Amino acid sequence: MAGGIKCRSDLESDDFNDVASDSIIGKRAEYGLDKFVPFHWVYGSEFDYSIHKGYKDTEFAYIAIDRNIAKKENWKVIPQHPLAGGKAPEILDYSIGFNKIDWNYMKPHYQYYEGLYSYKNQLTTMAECLAPKTVATSKFAKIFVSSEDALNALLGDFEDEFSEDTDEDDFSLYEYWAKDQSPSDDLCDLESVFENLPDDLFEICPSMFKYYN
């Protein structure tokens, strides 16, 4: 996480736990999508539902980016499921792609049980916003977690990662955000990573996750 969110082509296979199937990975690479960092537009997408269902004992978090960043930097947009139709997806400039999304069908998967979800919803919730380079942690607007336990675990992961580069093993990231204190001068690596992060970066929001239980 210290290096931000990288595209798949920049990752080594042992850097992360891959939840996608080999066939999907291969197809995305064929279309050059492995060179982007993909984001969905709504939580509870078809993808989210599938992953939560397959990894019921795993804690997940949502990382949110302000759309204004994507617009300003002209991230690319695919207005529906990138692999639908068996042909190369439309990879459009941000404003064109954004306006081409059918927002009436951008509904989270849980509405399936309320009779408000269709195949068109499935395709639309899988629309993507593609960052053309590594997304730095300074661009994170929010990280949503399901519980305080999940938050503590995530903060522990952050702390473990950054303590490897500092002598301050007891430095608390939680205190940094909660009390708005600045890192000391000798924590320059940590300071550069977390520069301009909002004080309320983390938010516990169980309602975003309850539909997968």
N, C-alpha and C. Protein backbone atom coordinates (compact mmCIF):
# COMPACT_ATOMS: atom_id res chain seq x y z
N MET A 1 0.83 -1.20 0.00
CA MET A 1 0.00 0.00 0.00
C MET A 1 0.86 1.26 0.00
N ALA A 2 2.08 1.16 0.51
CA ALA A 2 2.94 2.34 0.57
C ALA A 2 3.19 2.93 -0.81
N GLY A 3 3.26 2.05 -1.82
CA GLY A 3 3.50 2.52 -3.17
C GLY A 3 2.24 2.89 -3.92
N GLY A 4 1.09 2.91 -3.24
CA GLY A 4 -0.17 3.19 -3.89
C GLY A 4 -0.77 1.93 -4.50
N ILE A 5 -1.78 2.11 -5.34
CA ILE A 5 -2.41 0.98 -6.02
C ILE A 5 -1.82 0.88 -7.42
N LYS A 6 -1.17 -0.25 -7.70
CA LYS A 6 -0.51 -0.43 -8.98
C LYS A 6 -1.38 -1.23 -9.95
N CYS A 7 -1.12 -1.07 -11.22
CA CYS A 7 -1.82 -1.88 -12.22
C CYS A 7 -1.27 -3.30 -12.18
N ARG A 8 -2.03 -4.24 -12.70
CA ARG A 8 -1.65 -5.65 -12.61
C ARG A 8 -0.30 -5.92 -13.30
N SER A 9 -0.04 -5.26 -14.43
CA SER A 9 1.20 -5.54 -15.17
C SER A 9 2.44 -5.12 -14.40
N ASP A 10 2.29 -4.27 -13.38
CA ASP A 10 3.42 -3.82 -12.57
C ASP A 10 3.60 -4.65 -11.31
N LEU A 11 2.75 -5.64 -11.10
CA LEU A 11 2.80 -6.44 -9.89
C LEU A 11 3.46 -7.78 -10.15
N GLU A 12 4.21 -8.23 -9.17
CA GLU A 12 4.73 -9.60 -9.20
C GLU A 12 3.65 -10.53 -8.65
N SER A 13 3.64 -11.75 -9.10
CA SER A 13 2.57 -12.68 -8.73
C SER A 13 2.51 -12.94 -7.24
N ASP A 14 3.64 -12.77 -6.54
CA ASP A 14 3.65 -13.03 -5.10
C ASP A 14 3.41 -11.76 -4.28
N ASP A 15 3.04 -10.65 -4.96
CA ASP A 15 2.79 -9.39 -4.27
C ASP A 15 1.38 -9.32 -3.68
N PHE A 16 0.47 -10.18 -4.15
CA PHE A 16 -0.92 -10.03 -3.76
C PHE A 16 -1.65 -11.36 -3.96
N ASN A 17 -2.82 -11.46 -3.34
CA ASN A 17 -3.68 -12.62 -3.53
C ASN A 17 -4.66 -12.31 -4.66
N ASP A 18 -4.56 -13.03 -5.75
CA ASP A 18 -5.37 -12.75 -6.93
C ASP A 18 -6.72 -13.43 -6.81
N VAL A 19 -7.80 -12.67 -6.95
CA VAL A 19 -9.15 -13.23 -6.83
C VAL A 19 -9.80 -13.43 -8.20
N ALA A 20 -9.15 -12.99 -9.25
CA ALA A 20 -9.72 -13.12 -10.60
C ALA A 20 -9.32 -14.46 -11.22
N SER A 21 -10.13 -14.96 -12.13
CA SER A 21 -9.83 -16.21 -12.81
C SER A 21 -8.78 -15.99 -13.89
N ASP A 22 -8.06 -17.06 -14.24
CA ASP A 22 -7.01 -16.95 -15.25
C ASP A 22 -7.57 -16.49 -16.60
N SER A 23 -8.78 -16.95 -16.93
CA SER A 23 -9.37 -16.59 -18.21
C SER A 23 -9.65 -15.08 -18.28
N ILE A 24 -10.16 -14.52 -17.18
CA ILE A 24 -10.43 -13.08 -17.14
C ILE A 24 -9.13 -12.28 -17.18
N ILE A 25 -8.14 -12.74 -16.43
CA ILE A 25 -6.84 -12.06 -16.43
C ILE A 25 -6.24 -12.05 -17.83
N GLY A 26 -6.33 -13.19 -18.50
CA GLY A 26 -5.79 -13.28 -19.86
C GLY A 26 -6.50 -12.37 -20.83
N LYS A 27 -7.83 -12.31 -20.74
CA LYS A 27 -8.60 -11.47 -21.64
C LYS A 27 -8.30 -10.00 -21.40
N ARG A 28 -8.20 -9.59 -20.13
CA ARG A 28 -7.90 -8.19 -19.82
C ARG A 28 -6.52 -7.81 -20.34
N ALA A 29 -5.57 -8.73 -20.23
CA ALA A 29 -4.23 -8.46 -20.75
C ALA A 29 -4.26 -8.33 -22.27
N GLU A 30 -5.07 -9.15 -22.92
CA GLU A 30 -5.20 -9.09 -24.38
C GLU A 30 -5.67 -7.72 -24.85
N TYR A 31 -6.55 -7.09 -24.06
CA TYR A 31 -7.08 -5.77 -24.42
C TYR A 31 -6.27 -4.63 -23.82
N GLY A 32 -5.17 -4.94 -23.13
CA GLY A 32 -4.33 -3.91 -22.54
C GLY A 32 -4.86 -3.34 -21.24
N LEU A 33 -5.88 -3.98 -20.67
CA LEU A 33 -6.48 -3.44 -19.44
C LEU A 33 -5.61 -3.70 -18.21
N ASP A 34 -4.64 -4.59 -18.33
CA ASP A 34 -3.74 -4.87 -17.20
C ASP A 34 -2.78 -3.72 -16.96
N LYS A 35 -2.77 -2.74 -17.85
CA LYS A 35 -1.89 -1.57 -17.68
C LYS A 35 -2.61 -0.40 -17.02
N PHE A 36 -3.86 -0.61 -16.60
CA PHE A 36 -4.64 0.39 -15.89
C PHE A 36 -4.97 -0.11 -14.48
N VAL A 37 -5.32 0.85 -13.61
CA VAL A 37 -5.87 0.50 -12.29
C VAL A 37 -7.37 0.72 -12.37
N PRO A 38 -8.18 -0.34 -12.30
CA PRO A 38 -9.63 -0.20 -12.49
C PRO A 38 -10.38 0.12 -11.20
N PHE A 39 -11.38 0.98 -11.31
CA PHE A 39 -12.31 1.27 -10.21
C PHE A 39 -13.74 1.10 -10.72
N HIS A 40 -14.62 0.63 -9.85
CA HIS A 40 -16.05 0.60 -10.17
C HIS A 40 -16.71 1.85 -9.62
N TRP A 41 -17.94 2.11 -10.06
CA TRP A 41 -18.63 3.36 -9.74
C TRP A 41 -19.55 3.24 -8.55
N VAL A 42 -19.86 2.02 -8.14
CA VAL A 42 -20.83 1.81 -7.06
C VAL A 42 -20.36 0.63 -6.22
N TYR A 43 -20.55 0.72 -4.92
CA TYR A 43 -20.23 -0.44 -4.09
C TYR A 43 -21.34 -1.48 -4.28
N GLY A 44 -21.01 -2.71 -4.02
CA GLY A 44 -22.01 -3.76 -4.20
C GLY A 44 -22.22 -4.12 -5.65
N SER A 45 -21.19 -3.97 -6.47
CA SER A 45 -21.29 -4.32 -7.89
C SER A 45 -21.38 -5.84 -8.04
N GLU A 46 -21.61 -6.27 -9.25
CA GLU A 46 -21.63 -7.70 -9.55
C GLU A 46 -20.32 -8.36 -9.14
N PHE A 47 -19.21 -7.67 -9.37
CA PHE A 47 -17.90 -8.18 -8.99
C PHE A 47 -17.80 -8.32 -7.47
N ASP A 48 -18.19 -7.28 -6.75
CA ASP A 48 -18.13 -7.31 -5.29
C ASP A 48 -18.91 -8.50 -4.73
N TYR A 49 -20.10 -8.67 -5.24
CA TYR A 49 -20.96 -9.76 -4.77
C TYR A 49 -20.28 -11.11 -4.98
N SER A 50 -19.70 -11.30 -6.15
CA SER A 50 -19.06 -12.57 -6.47
C SER A 50 -17.86 -12.83 -5.55
N ILE A 51 -17.05 -11.80 -5.31
CA ILE A 51 -15.85 -11.98 -4.49
C ILE A 51 -16.22 -12.22 -3.03
N HIS A 52 -17.16 -11.45 -2.51
CA HIS A 52 -17.58 -11.65 -1.12
C HIS A 52 -18.16 -13.04 -0.93
N LYS A 53 -18.91 -13.49 -1.90
CA LYS A 53 -19.53 -14.82 -1.82
C LYS A 53 -18.48 -15.92 -1.83
N GLY A 54 -17.41 -15.72 -2.59
CA GLY A 54 -16.37 -16.72 -2.69
C GLY A 54 -15.36 -16.68 -1.57
N TYR A 55 -15.30 -15.57 -0.83
CA TYR A 55 -14.33 -15.41 0.26
C TYR A 55 -15.05 -14.93 1.51
N LYS A 56 -15.95 -15.75 1.99
CA LYS A 56 -16.83 -15.34 3.08
C LYS A 56 -16.09 -15.06 4.38
N ASP A 57 -14.94 -15.65 4.58
CA ASP A 57 -14.19 -15.48 5.83
C ASP A 57 -13.11 -14.40 5.71
N THR A 58 -13.15 -13.62 4.65
CA THR A 58 -12.13 -12.59 4.42
C THR A 58 -12.73 -11.21 4.63
N GLU A 59 -11.98 -10.35 5.32
CA GLU A 59 -12.41 -8.96 5.50
C GLU A 59 -11.98 -8.15 4.28
N PHE A 60 -12.90 -7.32 3.77
CA PHE A 60 -12.60 -6.47 2.63
C PHE A 60 -12.79 -5.00 3.01
N ALA A 61 -12.21 -4.14 2.20
CA ALA A 61 -12.38 -2.71 2.38
C ALA A 61 -12.61 -2.08 1.01
N TYR A 62 -13.32 -0.96 0.99
CA TYR A 62 -13.53 -0.20 -0.23
C TYR A 62 -12.64 1.04 -0.20
N ILE A 63 -11.87 1.24 -1.26
CA ILE A 63 -11.07 2.45 -1.41
C ILE A 63 -11.77 3.36 -2.41
N ALA A 64 -12.09 4.57 -1.98
CA ALA A 64 -12.82 5.51 -2.83
C ALA A 64 -11.91 6.66 -3.25
N ILE A 65 -12.06 7.06 -4.52
CA ILE A 65 -11.32 8.18 -5.08
C ILE A 65 -12.32 9.25 -5.53
N ASP A 66 -12.03 10.51 -5.27
CA ASP A 66 -12.90 11.59 -5.71
C ASP A 66 -12.97 11.61 -7.24
N ARG A 67 -14.18 11.65 -7.77
CA ARG A 67 -14.34 11.67 -9.24
C ARG A 67 -13.65 12.87 -9.88
N ASN A 68 -13.53 13.96 -9.14
CA ASN A 68 -12.88 15.15 -9.71
C ASN A 68 -11.42 14.89 -10.07
N ILE A 69 -10.78 13.99 -9.32
CA ILE A 69 -9.40 13.62 -9.65
C ILE A 69 -9.37 12.88 -10.98
N ALA A 70 -10.29 11.91 -11.12
CA ALA A 70 -10.35 11.14 -12.36
C ALA A 70 -10.66 12.05 -13.56
N LYS A 71 -11.54 13.00 -13.34
CA LYS A 71 -11.90 13.92 -14.43
C LYS A 71 -10.73 14.83 -14.78
N LYS A 72 -10.09 15.39 -13.77
CA LYS A 72 -8.98 16.31 -14.00
C LYS A 72 -7.82 15.62 -14.71
N GLU A 73 -7.55 14.38 -14.35
CA GLU A 73 -6.43 13.65 -14.93
C GLU A 73 -6.84 12.85 -16.17
N ASN A 74 -8.10 13.00 -16.57
CA ASN A 74 -8.64 12.33 -17.75
C ASN A 74 -8.41 10.82 -17.71
N TRP A 75 -8.80 10.21 -16.59
CA TRP A 75 -8.79 8.76 -16.55
C TRP A 75 -9.76 8.24 -17.61
N LYS A 76 -9.58 7.01 -18.01
CA LYS A 76 -10.41 6.44 -19.05
C LYS A 76 -11.65 5.77 -18.45
N VAL A 77 -12.67 5.59 -19.28
CA VAL A 77 -13.92 5.00 -18.82
C VAL A 77 -14.37 3.92 -19.82
N ILE A 78 -14.77 2.79 -19.29
CA ILE A 78 -15.45 1.75 -20.07
C ILE A 78 -16.89 1.74 -19.56
N PRO A 79 -17.89 2.07 -20.39
CA PRO A 79 -19.24 2.33 -19.89
C PRO A 79 -20.06 1.11 -19.49
N GLN A 80 -19.54 -0.11 -19.72
CA GLN A 80 -20.21 -1.31 -19.22
C GLN A 80 -19.16 -2.40 -19.02
N HIS A 81 -19.58 -3.59 -18.70
CA HIS A 81 -18.66 -4.70 -18.46
C HIS A 81 -17.64 -4.76 -19.61
N PRO A 82 -16.33 -4.70 -19.30
CA PRO A 82 -15.33 -4.62 -20.36
C PRO A 82 -15.22 -5.87 -21.23
N LEU A 83 -15.67 -7.01 -20.72
CA LEU A 83 -15.55 -8.25 -21.49
C LEU A 83 -16.87 -8.70 -22.08
N ALA A 84 -17.90 -7.89 -21.96
CA ALA A 84 -19.21 -8.26 -22.50
C ALA A 84 -19.20 -8.20 -24.02
N GLY A 85 -19.87 -9.14 -24.65
CA GLY A 85 -20.00 -9.11 -26.10
C GLY A 85 -18.88 -9.79 -26.86
N GLY A 86 -17.84 -10.21 -26.13
CA GLY A 86 -16.75 -10.93 -26.78
C GLY A 86 -15.91 -10.12 -27.74
N LYS A 87 -15.89 -8.81 -27.58
CA LYS A 87 -15.06 -7.97 -28.44
C LYS A 87 -14.33 -6.93 -27.59
N ALA A 88 -13.37 -6.27 -28.19
CA ALA A 88 -12.58 -5.28 -27.45
C ALA A 88 -13.49 -4.19 -26.89
N PRO A 89 -13.27 -3.80 -25.63
CA PRO A 89 -14.14 -2.79 -25.01
C PRO A 89 -13.84 -1.38 -25.52
N GLU A 90 -14.85 -0.51 -25.39
CA GLU A 90 -14.65 0.91 -25.66
C GLU A 90 -13.88 1.52 -24.49
N ILE A 91 -12.72 2.07 -24.76
CA ILE A 91 -11.95 2.77 -23.73
C ILE A 91 -11.99 4.25 -24.09
N LEU A 92 -12.80 5.00 -23.37
CA LEU A 92 -13.11 6.38 -23.75
C LEU A 92 -12.49 7.40 -22.80
N ASP A 93 -12.30 8.62 -23.28
CA ASP A 93 -11.90 9.71 -22.40
C ASP A 93 -12.96 9.89 -21.32
N TYR A 94 -12.54 10.46 -20.20
CA TYR A 94 -13.41 10.48 -19.01
C TYR A 94 -14.79 11.06 -19.28
N SER A 95 -14.86 12.27 -19.77
CA SER A 95 -16.16 12.93 -19.93
C SER A 95 -17.06 12.20 -20.91
N ILE A 96 -16.49 11.74 -22.01
CA ILE A 96 -17.29 11.01 -23.00
C ILE A 96 -17.81 9.71 -22.40
N GLY A 97 -16.92 8.96 -21.75
CA GLY A 97 -17.32 7.68 -21.16
C GLY A 97 -18.31 7.85 -20.03
N PHE A 98 -18.11 8.86 -19.20
CA PHE A 98 -19.00 9.12 -18.07
C PHE A 98 -20.42 9.36 -18.57
N ASN A 99 -20.55 10.16 -19.60
CA ASN A 99 -21.87 10.48 -20.14
C ASN A 99 -22.51 9.33 -20.90
N LYS A 100 -21.70 8.34 -21.26
CA LYS A 100 -22.22 7.20 -22.00
C LYS A 100 -22.73 6.10 -21.07
N ILE A 101 -22.40 6.17 -19.79
CA ILE A 101 -22.90 5.19 -18.82
C ILE A 101 -24.40 5.39 -18.62
N ASP A 102 -25.15 4.32 -18.61
CA ASP A 102 -26.59 4.39 -18.35
C ASP A 102 -26.80 4.34 -16.84
N TRP A 103 -26.82 5.50 -16.21
CA TRP A 103 -26.83 5.58 -14.75
C TRP A 103 -28.13 5.05 -14.14
N ASN A 104 -29.17 4.92 -14.92
CA ASN A 104 -30.43 4.35 -14.41
C ASN A 104 -30.27 2.89 -14.00
N TYR A 105 -29.22 2.25 -14.53
CA TYR A 105 -29.00 0.83 -14.24
C TYR A 105 -27.84 0.62 -13.28
N MET A 106 -27.30 1.68 -12.73
CA MET A 106 -26.17 1.58 -11.80
C MET A 106 -26.71 1.30 -10.39
N LYS A 107 -27.15 0.06 -10.18
CA LYS A 107 -27.75 -0.33 -8.90
C LYS A 107 -26.93 -1.47 -8.30
N PRO A 108 -26.68 -1.46 -6.99
CA PRO A 108 -25.91 -2.54 -6.35
C PRO A 108 -26.65 -3.87 -6.40
N HIS A 109 -25.89 -4.95 -6.34
CA HIS A 109 -26.42 -6.29 -6.54
C HIS A 109 -27.51 -6.66 -5.54
N TYR A 110 -27.47 -6.12 -4.32
CA TYR A 110 -28.47 -6.53 -3.33
C TYR A 110 -29.89 -6.21 -3.77
N GLN A 111 -30.04 -5.27 -4.70
CA GLN A 111 -31.39 -4.95 -5.17
C GLN A 111 -31.97 -6.07 -6.03
N TYR A 112 -31.13 -7.05 -6.36
CA TYR A 112 -31.64 -8.25 -7.04
C TYR A 112 -32.77 -8.88 -6.24
N TYR A 113 -32.59 -8.87 -4.92
CA TYR A 113 -33.59 -9.50 -4.06
C TYR A 113 -34.84 -8.64 -3.90
N GLU A 114 -34.76 -7.42 -4.35
CA GLU A 114 -35.92 -6.53 -4.28
C GLU A 114 -36.62 -6.41 -5.63
N GLY A 115 -36.23 -7.28 -6.58
CA GLY A 115 -36.84 -7.27 -7.90
C GLY A 115 -36.47 -6.10 -8.76
N LEU A 116 -35.34 -5.45 -8.44
CA LEU A 116 -34.94 -4.24 -9.16
C LEU A 116 -33.63 -4.42 -9.92
N TYR A 117 -33.28 -5.67 -10.20
CA TYR A 117 -31.96 -5.95 -10.77
C TYR A 117 -32.11 -6.84 -12.00
N SER A 118 -31.39 -6.51 -13.07
CA SER A 118 -31.51 -7.24 -14.32
C SER A 118 -30.12 -7.47 -14.91
N TYR A 119 -30.07 -8.15 -16.05
CA TYR A 119 -28.81 -8.35 -16.74
C TYR A 119 -28.18 -7.01 -17.13
N LYS A 120 -29.01 -6.05 -17.49
CA LYS A 120 -28.50 -4.71 -17.80
C LYS A 120 -27.84 -4.08 -16.58
N ASN A 121 -28.39 -4.32 -15.40
CA ASN A 121 -27.75 -3.85 -14.17
C ASN A 121 -26.39 -4.50 -13.98
N GLN A 122 -26.31 -5.80 -14.25
CA GLN A 122 -25.04 -6.51 -14.12
C GLN A 122 -23.97 -5.87 -15.01
N LEU A 123 -24.33 -5.63 -16.26
CA LEU A 123 -23.38 -5.04 -17.20
C LEU A 123 -22.96 -3.64 -16.77
N THR A 124 -23.93 -2.85 -16.29
CA THR A 124 -23.66 -1.45 -15.96
C THR A 124 -22.82 -1.31 -14.71
N THR A 125 -23.10 -2.11 -13.68
CA THR A 125 -22.32 -1.99 -12.44
C THR A 125 -20.87 -2.42 -12.64
N MET A 126 -20.60 -3.11 -13.74
CA MET A 126 -19.22 -3.51 -14.04
C MET A 126 -18.50 -2.50 -14.93
N ALA A 127 -19.13 -1.36 -15.20
CA ALA A 127 -18.43 -0.27 -15.89
C ALA A 127 -17.20 0.12 -15.07
N GLU A 128 -16.17 0.57 -15.75
CA GLU A 128 -14.91 0.84 -15.06
C GLU A 128 -14.41 2.26 -15.31
N CYS A 129 -13.73 2.79 -14.30
CA CYS A 129 -12.96 4.02 -14.44
C CYS A 129 -11.50 3.62 -14.29
N LEU A 130 -10.69 3.91 -15.29
CA LEU A 130 -9.34 3.36 -15.39
C LEU A 130 -8.28 4.43 -15.16
N ALA A 131 -7.50 4.25 -14.11
CA ALA A 131 -6.36 5.13 -13.86
C ALA A 131 -5.19 4.66 -14.71
N PRO A 132 -4.56 5.55 -15.48
CA PRO A 132 -3.49 5.13 -16.39
C PRO A 132 -2.14 4.94 -15.74
N LYS A 133 -2.07 5.10 -14.43
CA LYS A 133 -0.80 4.94 -13.71
C LYS A 133 -1.11 4.60 -12.26
N THR A 134 -0.08 4.34 -11.49
CA THR A 134 -0.24 4.03 -10.07
C THR A 134 -1.03 5.14 -9.37
N VAL A 135 -1.99 4.74 -8.55
CA VAL A 135 -2.81 5.69 -7.80
C VAL A 135 -2.19 5.86 -6.41
N ALA A 136 -1.61 7.01 -6.15
CA ALA A 136 -0.93 7.26 -4.89
C ALA A 136 -1.91 7.29 -3.73
N THR A 137 -1.45 6.91 -2.55
CA THR A 137 -2.32 6.93 -1.37
C THR A 137 -2.82 8.33 -1.05
N SER A 138 -2.09 9.35 -1.49
CA SER A 138 -2.52 10.73 -1.23
C SER A 138 -3.80 11.07 -1.98
N LYS A 139 -4.20 10.23 -2.94
CA LYS A 139 -5.43 10.48 -3.71
C LYS A 139 -6.63 9.74 -3.13
N PHE A 140 -6.42 8.96 -2.08
CA PHE A 140 -7.54 8.24 -1.47
C PHE A 140 -8.46 9.24 -0.78
N ALA A 141 -9.75 9.17 -1.07
CA ALA A 141 -10.73 10.02 -0.39
C ALA A 141 -11.27 9.34 0.85
N LYS A 142 -11.54 8.04 0.75
CA LYS A 142 -12.09 7.27 1.86
C LYS A 142 -11.65 5.82 1.75
N ILE A 143 -11.51 5.18 2.91
CA ILE A 143 -11.39 3.73 2.97
C ILE A 143 -12.49 3.25 3.90
N PHE A 144 -13.46 2.53 3.33
CA PHE A 144 -14.60 2.05 4.09
C PHE A 144 -14.34 0.62 4.57
N VAL A 145 -14.64 0.38 5.85
CA VAL A 145 -14.51 -0.96 6.42
C VAL A 145 -15.80 -1.34 7.12
N SER A 146 -15.95 -2.61 7.43
CA SER A 146 -17.22 -3.11 7.96
C SER A 146 -17.35 -2.99 9.47
N SER A 147 -16.23 -2.89 10.19
CA SER A 147 -16.28 -2.92 11.66
C SER A 147 -15.02 -2.32 12.25
N GLU A 148 -15.05 -2.11 13.55
CA GLU A 148 -13.86 -1.60 14.24
C GLU A 148 -12.73 -2.62 14.20
N ASP A 149 -13.07 -3.91 14.29
CA ASP A 149 -12.04 -4.96 14.20
C ASP A 149 -11.35 -4.91 12.84
N ALA A 150 -12.15 -4.71 11.78
CA ALA A 150 -11.57 -4.63 10.43
C ALA A 150 -10.68 -3.40 10.31
N LEU A 151 -11.10 -2.29 10.93
CA LEU A 151 -10.30 -1.07 10.91
C LEU A 151 -8.97 -1.29 11.61
N ASN A 152 -9.00 -1.90 12.79
CA ASN A 152 -7.77 -2.14 13.54
C ASN A 152 -6.82 -3.05 12.77
N ALA A 153 -7.39 -4.06 12.10
CA ALA A 153 -6.55 -4.96 11.31
C ALA A 153 -5.90 -4.21 10.15
N LEU A 154 -6.66 -3.34 9.50
CA LEU A 154 -6.13 -2.57 8.38
C LEU A 154 -5.06 -1.60 8.85
N LEU A 155 -5.30 -0.92 9.95
CA LEU A 155 -4.30 -0.01 10.50
C LEU A 155 -3.03 -0.75 10.88
N GLY A 156 -3.20 -1.98 11.37
CA GLY A 156 -2.05 -2.80 11.71
C GLY A 156 -1.22 -3.13 10.48
N ASP A 157 -1.91 -3.41 9.36
CA ASP A 157 -1.20 -3.70 8.12
C ASP A 157 -0.41 -2.49 7.65
N PHE A 158 -1.04 -1.30 7.73
CA PHE A 158 -0.34 -0.07 7.37
C PHE A 158 0.89 0.10 8.25
N GLU A 159 0.69 -0.05 9.53
CA GLU A 159 1.77 0.21 10.48
C GLU A 159 2.92 -0.76 10.29
N ASP A 160 2.60 -2.04 10.07
CA ASP A 160 3.64 -3.04 9.85
C ASP A 160 4.46 -2.71 8.62
N GLU A 161 3.78 -2.26 7.57
CA GLU A 161 4.46 -1.98 6.31
C GLU A 161 5.42 -0.81 6.45
N PHE A 162 4.98 0.26 7.12
CA PHE A 162 5.81 1.45 7.19
C PHE A 162 6.87 1.36 8.28
N SER A 163 6.63 0.52 9.29
CA SER A 163 7.64 0.40 10.34
C SER A 163 8.91 -0.23 9.82
N GLU A 164 8.83 -0.95 8.69
CA GLU A 164 10.03 -1.55 8.11
C GLU A 164 11.01 -0.49 7.63
N ASP A 165 10.50 0.71 7.33
CA ASP A 165 11.35 1.78 6.81
C ASP A 165 11.72 2.82 7.86
N THR A 166 11.30 2.60 9.11
CA THR A 166 11.57 3.58 10.15
C THR A 166 12.05 2.88 11.41
N ASP A 167 12.59 3.67 12.34
CA ASP A 167 13.00 3.15 13.64
C ASP A 167 11.91 3.32 14.68
N GLU A 168 10.77 3.89 14.26
CA GLU A 168 9.69 4.18 15.20
C GLU A 168 8.64 3.07 15.12
N ASP A 169 8.98 1.90 15.67
CA ASP A 169 8.08 0.75 15.56
C ASP A 169 6.78 0.95 16.30
N ASP A 170 6.77 1.86 17.27
CA ASP A 170 5.56 2.07 18.05
C ASP A 170 4.74 3.25 17.54
N PHE A 171 5.13 3.80 16.39
CA PHE A 171 4.39 4.94 15.85
C PHE A 171 2.99 4.51 15.44
N SER A 172 1.99 5.22 15.90
CA SER A 172 0.61 4.83 15.67
C SER A 172 -0.04 5.65 14.56
N LEU A 173 -0.37 4.99 13.45
CA LEU A 173 -1.09 5.69 12.39
C LEU A 173 -2.46 6.13 12.85
N TYR A 174 -3.06 5.33 13.73
CA TYR A 174 -4.38 5.68 14.23
C TYR A 174 -4.33 7.02 14.96
N GLU A 175 -3.28 7.23 15.77
CA GLU A 175 -3.14 8.51 16.47
C GLU A 175 -2.92 9.65 15.48
N TYR A 176 -2.18 9.35 14.41
CA TYR A 176 -1.90 10.38 13.41
C TYR A 176 -3.20 10.93 12.83
N TRP A 177 -4.13 10.02 12.46
CA TRP A 177 -5.38 10.49 11.88
C TRP A 177 -6.34 11.01 12.94
N ALA A 178 -6.42 10.32 14.08
CA ALA A 178 -7.42 10.67 15.08
C ALA A 178 -7.10 12.01 15.74
N LYS A 179 -5.81 12.27 15.95
CA LYS A 179 -5.41 13.47 16.69
C LYS A 179 -4.82 14.55 15.79
N ASP A 180 -4.74 14.25 14.49
CA ASP A 180 -4.23 15.23 13.54
C ASP A 180 -2.83 15.68 13.90
N GLN A 181 -2.00 14.76 14.38
CA GLN A 181 -0.63 15.11 14.70
C GLN A 181 0.26 14.81 13.50
N SER A 182 1.31 15.59 13.35
CA SER A 182 2.21 15.41 12.22
C SER A 182 3.32 14.42 12.58
N PRO A 183 3.75 13.63 11.62
CA PRO A 183 4.89 12.74 11.87
C PRO A 183 6.13 13.56 12.18
N SER A 184 7.03 13.02 12.97
CA SER A 184 8.27 13.72 13.30
C SER A 184 9.16 13.78 12.06
N ASP A 185 10.15 14.66 12.11
CA ASP A 185 10.98 14.91 10.94
C ASP A 185 11.71 13.66 10.47
N ASP A 186 12.04 12.75 11.40
CA ASP A 186 12.79 11.57 11.01
C ASP A 186 11.92 10.50 10.36
N LEU A 187 10.62 10.79 10.20
CA LEU A 187 9.73 9.86 9.52
C LEU A 187 9.39 10.39 8.13
N CYS A 188 10.43 10.85 7.41
CA CYS A 188 10.19 11.50 6.13
C CYS A 188 9.53 10.57 5.13
N ASP A 189 9.87 9.30 5.15
CA ASP A 189 9.25 8.37 4.20
C ASP A 189 7.76 8.26 4.45
N LEU A 190 7.39 8.14 5.71
CA LEU A 190 5.98 8.03 6.07
C LEU A 190 5.25 9.33 5.74
N GLU A 191 5.90 10.45 6.00
CA GLU A 191 5.27 11.74 5.75
C GLU A 191 4.99 11.92 4.26
N SER A 192 5.93 11.51 3.42
CA SER A 192 5.72 11.68 1.99
C SER A 192 4.58 10.81 1.48
N VAL A 193 4.40 9.65 2.08
CA VAL A 193 3.32 8.75 1.67
C VAL A 193 1.97 9.32 2.07
N PHE A 194 1.88 9.87 3.27
CA PHE A 194 0.58 10.29 3.80
C PHE A 194 0.33 11.79 3.71
N GLU A 195 1.14 12.49 2.95
CA GLU A 195 0.94 13.92 2.78
C GLU A 195 -0.44 14.19 2.17
N ASN A 196 -1.15 15.11 2.80
CA ASN A 196 -2.46 15.57 2.32
C ASN A 196 -3.59 14.55 2.47
N LEU A 197 -3.37 13.48 3.20
CA LEU A 197 -4.48 12.55 3.45
C LEU A 197 -5.49 13.21 4.38
N PRO A 198 -6.78 13.00 4.15
CA PRO A 198 -7.79 13.59 5.04
C PRO A 198 -7.76 12.95 6.42
N ASP A 199 -8.11 13.74 7.44
CA ASP A 199 -8.11 13.23 8.81
C ASP A 199 -9.15 12.13 8.99
N ASP A 200 -10.22 12.19 8.21
CA ASP A 200 -11.27 11.19 8.34
C ASP A 200 -11.19 10.15 7.22
N LEU A 201 -9.97 9.75 6.89
CA LEU A 201 -9.76 8.81 5.79
C LEU A 201 -10.56 7.52 5.97
N PHE A 202 -10.51 6.95 7.18
CA PHE A 202 -11.18 5.68 7.43
C PHE A 202 -12.60 5.90 7.95
N GLU A 203 -13.52 5.07 7.48
CA GLU A 203 -14.90 5.16 7.96
C GLU A 203 -15.47 3.75 8.12
N ILE A 204 -16.04 3.51 9.29
CA ILE A 204 -16.71 2.23 9.55
C ILE A 204 -18.14 2.33 9.05
N CYS A 205 -18.48 1.49 8.08
CA CYS A 205 -19.80 1.57 7.45
C CYS A 205 -20.34 0.15 7.20
N PRO A 206 -20.85 -0.51 8.23
CA PRO A 206 -21.29 -1.91 8.08
C PRO A 206 -22.39 -2.09 7.05
N SER A 207 -23.21 -1.07 6.79
CA SER A 207 -24.30 -1.21 5.83
C SER A 207 -23.79 -1.49 4.42
N MET A 208 -22.54 -1.12 4.13
CA MET A 208 -21.98 -1.38 2.81
C MET A 208 -21.60 -2.83 2.61
N PHE A 209 -21.54 -3.58 3.71
CA PHE A 209 -21.06 -4.95 3.64
C PHE A 209 -22.11 -5.99 4.04
N LYS A 210 -23.21 -5.57 4.64
CA LYS A 210 -24.14 -6.51 5.23
C LYS A 210 -24.84 -7.39 4.19
N TYR A 211 -24.89 -6.94 2.96
CA TYR A 211 -25.62 -7.68 1.93
C TYR A 211 -24.88 -8.93 1.47
N TYR A 212 -23.64 -9.08 1.92
CA TYR A 212 -22.86 -10.24 1.49
C TYR A 212 -22.86 -11.34 2.54
N ASN A 213 -23.42 -11.08 3.71
CA ASN A 213 -23.37 -12.06 4.80
C ASN A 213 -24.47 -13.11 4.67
